[in-house]
Each structure stands twice: as structure tokens, then as C-alpha cells.
Full PDB file with SEQRES, HELIX, SHEET, SSBOND, CRYST1, ORIGX, SCALE, CONECT and MASTER records, all heavy atoms in Angstrom:
SEQRES   1 A   38  SER VAL ASN ASN PHE SER ASP SER ASN GLU THR GLU ASN          
SEQRES   2 A   38  ASP ILE VAL LEU THR VAL ASN SER ALA ASN THR TYR GLN          
SEQRES   3 A   38  THR ILE GLN GLY PHE GLY GLY ALA MET THR ASP ALA              
CRYST1    1.000    1.000    1.000  90.00  90.00  90.00 P 1           1          
ORIGX1      1.000000  0.000000  0.000000        0.00000                         
ORIGX2      0.000000  1.000000  0.000000        0.00000                         
ORIGX3      0.000000  0.000000  1.000000        0.00000                         
SCALE1      1.000000  0.000000  0.000000        0.00000                         
SCALE2      0.000000  1.000000  0.000000        0.00000                         
SCALE3      0.000000  0.000000  1.000000        0.00000                         
ATOM      1  N   SER A   1      -0.196-163.705 -38.149  1.00  0.00           N  
ATOM      2  CA  SER A   1      -0.034-164.389 -36.869  1.00  0.00           C  
ATOM      3  C   SER A   1       1.002-163.618 -36.069  1.00  0.00           C  
ATOM      4  O   SER A   1       1.963-163.081 -36.631  1.00  0.00           O  
ATOM      5  CB  SER A   1       0.401-165.850 -37.054  1.00  0.00           C  
ATOM      6  OG  SER A   1       1.679-165.915 -37.655  1.00  0.00           O  
ATOM      7  N   VAL A   2       0.792-163.534 -34.743  1.00  0.00           N  
ATOM      8  CA  VAL A   2       1.751-162.901 -33.838  1.00  0.00           C  
ATOM      9  C   VAL A   2       2.308-163.987 -32.944  1.00  0.00           C  
ATOM     10  O   VAL A   2       1.559-164.747 -32.334  1.00  0.00           O  
ATOM     11  CB  VAL A   2       1.087-161.798 -32.992  1.00  0.00           C  
ATOM     12  CG1 VAL A   2       2.102-161.197 -32.016  1.00  0.00           C  
ATOM     13  CG2 VAL A   2       0.507-160.718 -33.890  1.00  0.00           C  
ATOM     14  N   ASN A   3       3.631-164.060 -32.898  1.00  0.00           N  
ATOM     15  CA  ASN A   3       4.299-165.183 -32.253  1.00  0.00           C  
ATOM     16  C   ASN A   3       5.250-164.711 -31.167  1.00  0.00           C  
ATOM     17  O   ASN A   3       5.808-163.616 -31.250  1.00  0.00           O  
ATOM     18  CB  ASN A   3       5.079-165.980 -33.297  1.00  0.00           C  
ATOM     19  CG  ASN A   3       4.218-166.377 -34.479  1.00  0.00           C  
ATOM     20  OD1 ASN A   3       3.598-167.423 -34.470  1.00  0.00           O  
ATOM     21  ND2 ASN A   3       4.164-165.519 -35.496  1.00  0.00           N  
ATOM     22  N   ASN A   4       5.455-165.555 -30.183  1.00  0.00           N  
ATOM     23  CA  ASN A   4       6.363-165.252 -29.079  1.00  0.00           C  
ATOM     24  C   ASN A   4       7.765-165.790 -29.342  1.00  0.00           C  
ATOM     25  O   ASN A   4       7.933-166.845 -29.944  1.00  0.00           O  
ATOM     26  CB  ASN A   4       5.863-165.882 -27.774  1.00  0.00           C  
ATOM     27  CG  ASN A   4       5.025-164.909 -26.982  1.00  0.00           C  
ATOM     28  OD1 ASN A   4       4.859-163.766 -27.366  1.00  0.00           O  
ATOM     29  ND2 ASN A   4       4.475-165.393 -25.880  1.00  0.00           N  
ATOM     30  N   PHE A   5       8.759-165.083 -28.824  1.00  0.00           N  
ATOM     31  CA  PHE A   5      10.084-165.666 -28.706  1.00  0.00           C  
ATOM     32  C   PHE A   5      10.030-166.782 -27.654  1.00  0.00           C  
ATOM     33  O   PHE A   5       9.175-166.795 -26.775  1.00  0.00           O  
ATOM     34  CB  PHE A   5      11.101-164.628 -28.227  1.00  0.00           C  
ATOM     35  CG  PHE A   5      11.405-163.555 -29.230  1.00  0.00           C  
ATOM     36  CD1 PHE A   5      10.878-162.291 -29.071  1.00  0.00           C  
ATOM     37  CD2 PHE A   5      12.237-163.801 -30.303  1.00  0.00           C  
ATOM     38  CE1 PHE A   5      11.163-161.283 -29.968  1.00  0.00           C  
ATOM     39  CE2 PHE A   5      12.532-162.806 -31.209  1.00  0.00           C  
ATOM     40  CZ  PHE A   5      11.992-161.533 -31.052  1.00  0.00           C  
ATOM     41  N   SER A   6      10.989-167.679 -27.759  1.00  0.00           N  
ATOM     42  CA  SER A   6      11.127-168.728 -26.749  1.00  0.00           C  
ATOM     43  C   SER A   6      12.596-168.859 -26.382  1.00  0.00           C  
ATOM     44  O   SER A   6      13.475-168.496 -27.148  1.00  0.00           O  
ATOM     45  CB  SER A   6      10.593-170.057 -27.279  1.00  0.00           C  
ATOM     46  OG  SER A   6      10.964-171.105 -26.425  1.00  0.00           O  
ATOM     47  N   ASP A   7      12.870-169.364 -25.219  1.00  0.00           N  
ATOM     48  CA  ASP A   7      14.252-169.549 -24.778  1.00  0.00           C  
ATOM     49  C   ASP A   7      14.852-170.866 -25.257  1.00  0.00           C  
ATOM     50  O   ASP A   7      16.026-171.125 -25.035  1.00  0.00           O  
ATOM     51  CB  ASP A   7      14.322-169.518 -23.241  1.00  0.00           C  
ATOM     52  CG  ASP A   7      14.070-168.115 -22.721  1.00  0.00           C  
ATOM     53  OD1 ASP A   7      14.407-167.170 -23.447  1.00  0.00           O  
ATOM     54  OD2 ASP A   7      13.534-167.986 -21.616  1.00  0.00           O  
ATOM     55  N   SER A   8      14.063-171.712 -25.891  1.00  0.00           N  
ATOM     56  CA  SER A   8      14.614-172.999 -26.323  1.00  0.00           C  
ATOM     57  C   SER A   8      15.526-172.816 -27.527  1.00  0.00           C  
ATOM     58  O   SER A   8      15.406-171.863 -28.287  1.00  0.00           O  
ATOM     59  CB  SER A   8      13.476-173.965 -26.660  1.00  0.00           C  
ATOM     60  OG  SER A   8      12.798-173.525 -27.811  1.00  0.00           O  
ATOM     61  N   ASN A   9      16.436-173.727 -27.722  1.00  0.00           N  
ATOM     62  CA  ASN A   9      17.445-173.635 -28.778  1.00  0.00           C  
ATOM     63  C   ASN A   9      17.100-174.635 -29.871  1.00  0.00           C  
ATOM     64  O   ASN A   9      17.477-175.798 -29.813  1.00  0.00           O  
ATOM     65  CB  ASN A   9      18.823-173.929 -28.192  1.00  0.00           C  
ATOM     66  CG  ASN A   9      19.911-173.694 -29.226  1.00  0.00           C  
ATOM     67  OD1 ASN A   9      19.638-173.207 -30.321  1.00  0.00           O  
ATOM     68  ND2 ASN A   9      21.129-174.036 -28.868  1.00  0.00           N  
ATOM     69  N   GLU A  10      16.364-174.165 -30.869  1.00  0.00           N  
ATOM     70  CA  GLU A  10      15.940-175.051 -31.943  1.00  0.00           C  
ATOM     71  C   GLU A  10      17.065-175.331 -32.925  1.00  0.00           C  
ATOM     72  O   GLU A  10      17.980-174.533 -33.105  1.00  0.00           O  
ATOM     73  CB  GLU A  10      14.773-174.424 -32.701  1.00  0.00           C  
ATOM     74  CG  GLU A  10      13.432-174.577 -32.025  1.00  0.00           C  
ATOM     75  CD  GLU A  10      12.325-174.233 -33.005  1.00  0.00           C  
ATOM     76  OE1 GLU A  10      12.208-173.064 -33.360  1.00  0.00           O  
ATOM     77  OE2 GLU A  10      11.604-175.162 -33.408  1.00  0.00           O  
ATOM     78  N   THR A  11      16.944-176.437 -33.610  1.00  0.00           N  
ATOM     79  CA  THR A  11      17.874-176.779 -34.676  1.00  0.00           C  
ATOM     80  C   THR A  11      17.591-175.913 -35.899  1.00  0.00           C  
ATOM     81  O   THR A  11      16.445-175.599 -36.193  1.00  0.00           O  
ATOM     82  CB  THR A  11      17.715-178.263 -35.062  1.00  0.00           C  
ATOM     83  OG1 THR A  11      17.854-179.050 -33.891  1.00  0.00           O  
ATOM     84  CG2 THR A  11      18.760-178.666 -36.081  1.00  0.00           C  
ATOM     85  N   GLU A  12      18.635-175.546 -36.616  1.00  0.00           N  
ATOM     86  CA  GLU A  12      18.445-174.736 -37.820  1.00  0.00           C  
ATOM     87  C   GLU A  12      17.972-175.599 -38.981  1.00  0.00           C  
ATOM     88  O   GLU A  12      18.310-176.775 -39.088  1.00  0.00           O  
ATOM     89  CB  GLU A  12      19.764-174.062 -38.218  1.00  0.00           C  
ATOM     90  CG  GLU A  12      20.212-172.981 -37.263  1.00  0.00           C  
ATOM     91  CD  GLU A  12      21.491-172.296 -37.749  1.00  0.00           C  
ATOM     92  OE1 GLU A  12      21.955-172.627 -38.864  1.00  0.00           O  
ATOM     93  OE2 GLU A  12      22.004-171.440 -37.015  1.00  0.00           O  
ATOM     94  N   ASN A  13      17.195-174.987 -39.881  1.00  0.00           N  
ATOM     95  CA  ASN A  13      16.821-175.630 -41.131  1.00  0.00           C  
ATOM     96  C   ASN A  13      18.003-175.579 -42.106  1.00  0.00           C  
ATOM     97  O   ASN A  13      18.981-174.852 -41.895  1.00  0.00           O  
ATOM     98  CB  ASN A  13      15.601-174.946 -41.734  1.00  0.00           C  
ATOM     99  CG  ASN A  13      14.345-175.169 -40.908  1.00  0.00           C  
ATOM    100  OD1 ASN A  13      13.978-176.299 -40.622  1.00  0.00           O  
ATOM    101  ND2 ASN A  13      13.691-174.077 -40.520  1.00  0.00           N  
ATOM    102  N   ASP A  14      17.870-176.333 -43.181  1.00  0.00           N  
ATOM    103  CA  ASP A  14      18.950-176.368 -44.173  1.00  0.00           C  
ATOM    104  C   ASP A  14      19.114-175.016 -44.871  1.00  0.00           C  
ATOM    105  O   ASP A  14      20.221-174.650 -45.256  1.00  0.00           O  
ATOM    106  CB  ASP A  14      18.672-177.454 -45.218  1.00  0.00           C  
ATOM    107  CG  ASP A  14      18.770-178.858 -44.636  1.00  0.00           C  
ATOM    108  OD1 ASP A  14      19.456-179.011 -43.599  1.00  0.00           O  
ATOM    109  OD2 ASP A  14      18.157-179.779 -45.205  1.00  0.00           O  
ATOM    110  N   ILE A  15      18.015-174.311 -45.060  1.00  0.00           N  
ATOM    111  CA  ILE A  15      18.066-173.001 -45.712  1.00  0.00           C  
ATOM    112  C   ILE A  15      18.087-171.936 -44.629  1.00  0.00           C  
ATOM    113  O   ILE A  15      17.181-171.873 -43.784  1.00  0.00           O  
ATOM    114  CB  ILE A  15      16.854-172.797 -46.640  1.00  0.00           C  
ATOM    115  CG1 ILE A  15      16.822-173.878 -47.719  1.00  0.00           C  
ATOM    116  CG2 ILE A  15      16.894-171.411 -47.279  1.00  0.00           C  
ATOM    117  CD1 ILE A  15      15.569-173.855 -48.569  1.00  0.00           C  
ATOM    118  N   VAL A  16      19.100-171.091 -44.640  1.00  0.00           N  
ATOM    119  CA  VAL A  16      19.263-170.073 -43.598  1.00  0.00           C  
ATOM    120  C   VAL A  16      19.412-168.700 -44.251  1.00  0.00           C  
ATOM    121  O   VAL A  16      20.274-168.499 -45.119  1.00  0.00           O  
ATOM    122  CB  VAL A  16      20.489-170.359 -42.709  1.00  0.00           C  
ATOM    123  CG1 VAL A  16      20.645-169.269 -41.652  1.00  0.00           C  
ATOM    124  CG2 VAL A  16      20.364-171.733 -42.057  1.00  0.00           C  
ATOM    125  N   LEU A  17      18.574-167.769 -43.844  1.00  0.00           N  
ATOM    126  CA  LEU A  17      18.692-166.367 -44.242  1.00  0.00           C  
ATOM    127  C   LEU A  17      19.223-165.586 -43.053  1.00  0.00           C  
ATOM    128  O   LEU A  17      18.616-165.595 -41.974  1.00  0.00           O  
ATOM    129  CB  LEU A  17      17.335-165.804 -44.665  1.00  0.00           C  
ATOM    130  CG  LEU A  17      17.287-164.298 -44.936  1.00  0.00           C  
ATOM    131  CD1 LEU A  17      18.118-163.947 -46.170  1.00  0.00           C  
ATOM    132  CD2 LEU A  17      15.849-163.819 -45.097  1.00  0.00           C  
ATOM    133  N   THR A  18      20.344-164.923 -43.220  1.00  0.00           N  
ATOM    134  CA  THR A  18      20.959-164.154 -42.139  1.00  0.00           C  
ATOM    135  C   THR A  18      20.797-162.664 -42.421  1.00  0.00           C  
ATOM    136  O   THR A  18      21.177-162.181 -43.491  1.00  0.00           O  
ATOM    137  CB  THR A  18      22.448-164.495 -42.001  1.00  0.00           C  
ATOM    138  OG1 THR A  18      22.586-165.902 -41.764  1.00  0.00           O  
ATOM    139  CG2 THR A  18      23.078-163.722 -40.856  1.00  0.00           C  
ATOM    140  N   VAL A  19      20.226-161.934 -41.460  1.00  0.00           N  
ATOM    141  CA  VAL A  19      20.076-160.487 -41.597  1.00  0.00           C  
ATOM    142  C   VAL A  19      20.965-159.796 -40.573  1.00  0.00           C  
ATOM    143  O   VAL A  19      21.232-160.336 -39.498  1.00  0.00           O  
ATOM    144  CB  VAL A  19      18.603-160.044 -41.421  1.00  0.00           C  
ATOM    145  CG1 VAL A  19      17.721-160.701 -42.465  1.00  0.00           C  
ATOM    146  CG2 VAL A  19      18.092-160.356 -40.023  1.00  0.00           C  
ATOM    147  N   ASN A  20      21.405-158.596 -40.934  1.00  0.00           N  
ATOM    148  CA  ASN A  20      22.293-157.850 -40.045  1.00  0.00           C  
ATOM    149  C   ASN A  20      21.983-156.369 -40.196  1.00  0.00           C  
ATOM    150  O   ASN A  20      22.332-155.743 -41.199  1.00  0.00           O  
ATOM    151  CB  ASN A  20      23.754-158.126 -40.385  1.00  0.00           C  
ATOM    152  CG  ASN A  20      24.709-157.540 -39.361  1.00  0.00           C  
ATOM    153  OD1 ASN A  20      24.381-156.580 -38.663  1.00  0.00           O  
ATOM    154  ND2 ASN A  20      25.912-158.110 -39.262  1.00  0.00           N  
ATOM    155  N   SER A  21      21.332-155.796 -39.197  1.00  0.00           N  
ATOM    156  CA  SER A  21      20.924-154.393 -39.268  1.00  0.00           C  
ATOM    157  C   SER A  21      22.094-153.437 -39.056  1.00  0.00           C  
ATOM    158  O   SER A  21      21.940-152.222 -39.234  1.00  0.00           O  
ATOM    159  CB  SER A  21      19.831-154.104 -38.235  1.00  0.00           C  
ATOM    160  OG  SER A  21      20.269-154.414 -36.923  1.00  0.00           O  
ATOM    161  N   ALA A  22      23.252-153.959 -38.690  1.00  0.00           N  
ATOM    162  CA  ALA A  22      24.436-153.107 -38.564  1.00  0.00           C  
ATOM    163  C   ALA A  22      25.005-152.737 -39.934  1.00  0.00           C  
ATOM    164  O   ALA A  22      25.757-151.769 -40.055  1.00  0.00           O  
ATOM    165  CB  ALA A  22      25.505-153.801 -37.729  1.00  0.00           C  
ATOM    166  N   ASN A  23      24.646-153.536 -40.955  1.00  0.00           N  
ATOM    167  CA  ASN A  23      25.102-153.263 -42.320  1.00  0.00           C  
ATOM    168  C   ASN A  23      23.955-152.664 -43.114  1.00  0.00           C  
ATOM    169  O   ASN A  23      23.026-153.372 -43.512  1.00  0.00           O  
ATOM    170  CB  ASN A  23      25.578-154.553 -42.989  1.00  0.00           C  
ATOM    171  CG  ASN A  23      26.788-155.149 -42.304  1.00  0.00           C  
ATOM    172  OD1 ASN A  23      27.576-154.437 -41.691  1.00  0.00           O  
ATOM    173  ND2 ASN A  23      26.937-156.464 -42.387  1.00  0.00           N  
ATOM    174  N   THR A  24      24.006-151.355 -43.328  1.00  0.00           N  
ATOM    175  CA  THR A  24      22.925-150.660 -44.023  1.00  0.00           C  
ATOM    176  C   THR A  24      23.372-150.220 -45.407  1.00  0.00           C  
ATOM    177  O   THR A  24      24.554-149.944 -45.643  1.00  0.00           O  
ATOM    178  CB  THR A  24      22.452-149.434 -43.228  1.00  0.00           C  
ATOM    179  OG1 THR A  24      23.545-148.527 -43.050  1.00  0.00           O  
ATOM    180  CG2 THR A  24      21.908-149.850 -41.869  1.00  0.00           C  
ATOM    181  N   TYR A  25      22.389-150.131 -46.313  1.00  0.00           N  
ATOM    182  CA  TYR A  25      22.665-149.758 -47.691  1.00  0.00           C  
ATOM    183  C   TYR A  25      21.833-148.525 -48.051  1.00  0.00           C  
ATOM    184  O   TYR A  25      21.895-147.530 -47.337  1.00  0.00           O  
ATOM    185  CB  TYR A  25      22.397-150.959 -48.611  1.00  0.00           C  
ATOM    186  CG  TYR A  25      23.274-152.148 -48.252  1.00  0.00           C  
ATOM    187  CD1 TYR A  25      22.834-153.125 -47.361  1.00  0.00           C  
ATOM    188  CD2 TYR A  25      24.552-152.263 -48.777  1.00  0.00           C  
ATOM    189  CE1 TYR A  25      23.642-154.198 -47.020  1.00  0.00           C  
ATOM    190  CE2 TYR A  25      25.386-153.325 -48.433  1.00  0.00           C  
ATOM    191  CZ  TYR A  25      24.915-154.288 -47.555  1.00  0.00           C  
ATOM    192  OH  TYR A  25      25.720-155.336 -47.202  1.00  0.00           O  
ATOM    193  N   GLN A  26      21.031-148.594 -49.105  1.00  0.00           N  
ATOM    194  CA  GLN A  26      20.329-147.386 -49.546  1.00  0.00           C  
ATOM    195  C   GLN A  26      19.153-147.034 -48.635  1.00  0.00           C  
ATOM    196  O   GLN A  26      18.561-147.891 -47.977  1.00  0.00           O  
ATOM    197  CB  GLN A  26      19.844-147.541 -50.989  1.00  0.00           C  
ATOM    198  CG  GLN A  26      18.628-148.462 -51.184  1.00  0.00           C  
ATOM    199  CD  GLN A  26      19.015-149.897 -51.439  1.00  0.00           C  
ATOM    200  OE1 GLN A  26      20.035-150.380 -50.952  1.00  0.00           O  
ATOM    201  NE2 GLN A  26      18.190-150.622 -52.188  1.00  0.00           N  
ATOM    202  N   THR A  27      18.831-145.740 -48.628  1.00  0.00           N  
ATOM    203  CA  THR A  27      17.640-145.254 -47.936  1.00  0.00           C  
ATOM    204  C   THR A  27      16.433-145.411 -48.852  1.00  0.00           C  
ATOM    205  O   THR A  27      16.480-145.020 -50.020  1.00  0.00           O  
ATOM    206  CB  THR A  27      17.788-143.771 -47.559  1.00  0.00           C  
ATOM    207  OG1 THR A  27      18.976-143.604 -46.783  1.00  0.00           O  
ATOM    208  CG2 THR A  27      16.591-143.283 -46.771  1.00  0.00           C  
ATOM    209  N   ILE A  28      15.367-145.957 -48.320  1.00  0.00           N  
ATOM    210  CA  ILE A  28      14.171-146.216 -49.116  1.00  0.00           C  
ATOM    211  C   ILE A  28      13.309-144.950 -49.175  1.00  0.00           C  
ATOM    212  O   ILE A  28      13.024-144.326 -48.162  1.00  0.00           O  
ATOM    213  CB  ILE A  28      13.366-147.393 -48.522  1.00  0.00           C  
ATOM    214  CG1 ILE A  28      14.246-148.643 -48.431  1.00  0.00           C  
ATOM    215  CG2 ILE A  28      12.120-147.653 -49.356  1.00  0.00           C  
ATOM    216  CD1 ILE A  28      14.865-149.087 -49.731  1.00  0.00           C  
ATOM    217  N   GLN A  29      12.881-144.607 -50.397  1.00  0.00           N  
ATOM    218  CA  GLN A  29      12.031-143.430 -50.594  1.00  0.00           C  
ATOM    219  C   GLN A  29      10.545-143.765 -50.566  1.00  0.00           C  
ATOM    220  O   GLN A  29       9.735-142.896 -50.255  1.00  0.00           O  
ATOM    221  CB  GLN A  29      12.369-142.754 -51.921  1.00  0.00           C  
ATOM    222  CG  GLN A  29      13.788-142.196 -51.978  1.00  0.00           C  
ATOM    223  CD  GLN A  29      13.944-141.233 -53.132  1.00  0.00           C  
ATOM    224  OE1 GLN A  29      13.243-140.223 -53.235  1.00  0.00           O  
ATOM    225  NE2 GLN A  29      14.861-141.546 -54.020  1.00  0.00           N  
ATOM    226  N   GLY A  30      10.179-144.998 -50.912  1.00  0.00           N  
ATOM    227  CA  GLY A  30       8.776-145.361 -50.805  1.00  0.00           C  
ATOM    228  C   GLY A  30       8.227-146.037 -52.048  1.00  0.00           C  
ATOM    229  O   GLY A  30       8.957-146.390 -52.976  1.00  0.00           O  
ATOM    230  N   PHE A  31       6.906-146.188 -52.053  1.00  0.00           N  
ATOM    231  CA  PHE A  31       6.182-146.924 -53.084  1.00  0.00           C  
ATOM    232  C   PHE A  31       4.980-146.097 -53.537  1.00  0.00           C  
ATOM    233  O   PHE A  31       4.520-145.216 -52.829  1.00  0.00           O  
ATOM    234  CB  PHE A  31       5.729-148.277 -52.542  1.00  0.00           C  
ATOM    235  CG  PHE A  31       6.871-149.122 -52.045  1.00  0.00           C  
ATOM    236  CD1 PHE A  31       7.362-148.965 -50.746  1.00  0.00           C  
ATOM    237  CD2 PHE A  31       7.481-150.040 -52.877  1.00  0.00           C  
ATOM    238  CE1 PHE A  31       8.431-149.729 -50.294  1.00  0.00           C  
ATOM    239  CE2 PHE A  31       8.551-150.811 -52.426  1.00  0.00           C  
ATOM    240  CZ  PHE A  31       9.026-150.652 -51.139  1.00  0.00           C  
ATOM    241  N   GLY A  32       4.481-146.401 -54.729  1.00  0.00           N  
ATOM    242  CA  GLY A  32       3.340-145.631 -55.213  1.00  0.00           C  
ATOM    243  C   GLY A  32       2.838-146.129 -56.544  1.00  0.00           C  
ATOM    244  O   GLY A  32       3.182-147.211 -57.020  1.00  0.00           O  
ATOM    245  N   GLY A  33       2.003-145.290 -57.169  1.00  0.00           N  
ATOM    246  CA  GLY A  33       1.414-145.622 -58.459  1.00  0.00           C  
ATOM    247  C   GLY A  33       1.115-144.359 -59.236  1.00  0.00           C  
ATOM    248  O   GLY A  33       1.347-143.246 -58.756  1.00  0.00           O  
ATOM    249  N   ALA A  34       0.590-144.520 -60.438  1.00  0.00           N  
ATOM    250  CA  ALA A  34       0.348-143.396 -61.342  1.00  0.00           C  
ATOM    251  C   ALA A  34      -1.134-143.051 -61.410  1.00  0.00           C  
ATOM    252  O   ALA A  34      -1.980-143.940 -61.563  1.00  0.00           O  
ATOM    253  CB  ALA A  34       0.872-143.706 -62.729  1.00  0.00           C  
ATOM    254  N   MET A  35      -1.415-141.742 -61.321  1.00  0.00           N  
ATOM    255  CA  MET A  35      -2.763-141.237 -61.542  1.00  0.00           C  
ATOM    256  C   MET A  35      -2.827-140.740 -62.987  1.00  0.00           C  
ATOM    257  O   MET A  35      -2.620-139.580 -63.291  1.00  0.00           O  
ATOM    258  CB  MET A  35      -3.094-140.115 -60.554  1.00  0.00           C  
ATOM    259  CG  MET A  35      -4.515-139.573 -60.680  1.00  0.00           C  
ATOM    260  SD  MET A  35      -5.807-140.806 -60.379  1.00  0.00           S  
ATOM    261  CE  MET A  35      -5.712-140.959 -58.583  1.00  0.00           C  
ATOM    262  N   THR A  36      -3.064-141.675 -63.893  1.00  0.00           N  
ATOM    263  CA  THR A  36      -3.218-141.354 -65.303  1.00  0.00           C  
ATOM    264  C   THR A  36      -4.644-140.896 -65.583  1.00  0.00           C  
ATOM    265  O   THR A  36      -5.528-140.996 -64.723  1.00  0.00           O  
ATOM    266  CB  THR A  36      -2.931-142.592 -66.154  1.00  0.00           C  
ATOM    267  OG1 THR A  36      -3.834-143.634 -65.741  1.00  0.00           O  
ATOM    268  CG2 THR A  36      -1.492-143.078 -65.961  1.00  0.00           C  
ATOM    269  N   ASP A  37      -4.882-140.441 -66.819  1.00  0.00           N  
ATOM    270  CA  ASP A  37      -6.261-140.154 -67.219  1.00  0.00           C  
ATOM    271  C   ASP A  37      -7.128-141.389 -67.035  1.00  0.00           C  
ATOM    272  O   ASP A  37      -8.254-141.315 -66.513  1.00  0.00           O  
ATOM    273  CB  ASP A  37      -6.314-139.732 -68.694  1.00  0.00           C  
ATOM    274  CG  ASP A  37      -5.737-138.353 -68.946  1.00  0.00           C  
ATOM    275  OD1 ASP A  37      -5.299-137.693 -67.986  1.00  0.00           O  
ATOM    276  OD2 ASP A  37      -5.728-137.932 -70.124  1.00  0.00           O  
ATOM    277  N   ALA A  38      -6.606-142.542 -67.478  1.00  0.00           N  
ATOM    278  CA  ALA A  38      -7.379-143.785 -67.407  1.00  0.00           C  
ATOM    279  C   ALA A  38      -7.733-144.136 -65.967  1.00  0.00           C  
ATOM    280  O   ALA A  38      -8.865-144.527 -65.667  1.00  0.00           O  
ATOM    281  CB  ALA A  38      -6.595-144.922 -68.054  1.00  0.00           C  
TER     282      ALA A  38                                                      
MASTER        0    0    0    0    0    0    0    6  281    1    0    3          
END                                                                             
């Protein structure tokens, strides 16, 4: 689903996840799998 921002000020839920892109940690190298004989 693609959703719009809104200017209204909603009440927060009891569970809150806070993200902060100013605080960075490791650089991600990626994902993959194995090409075995099987």
C-alpha cells in the first residue's frame, strides 16, 4: 500500500519505535545464497 502524509496530529500508540538516520552504524554488504551442487 502507498500512503500519504497528513498534517493532522494523531495520538501516539502505546508501542513506539523511534528511528534516527543521524545515528549510523555498520555499512550493509548485502544478502545472498549458496550455489551448491544440490
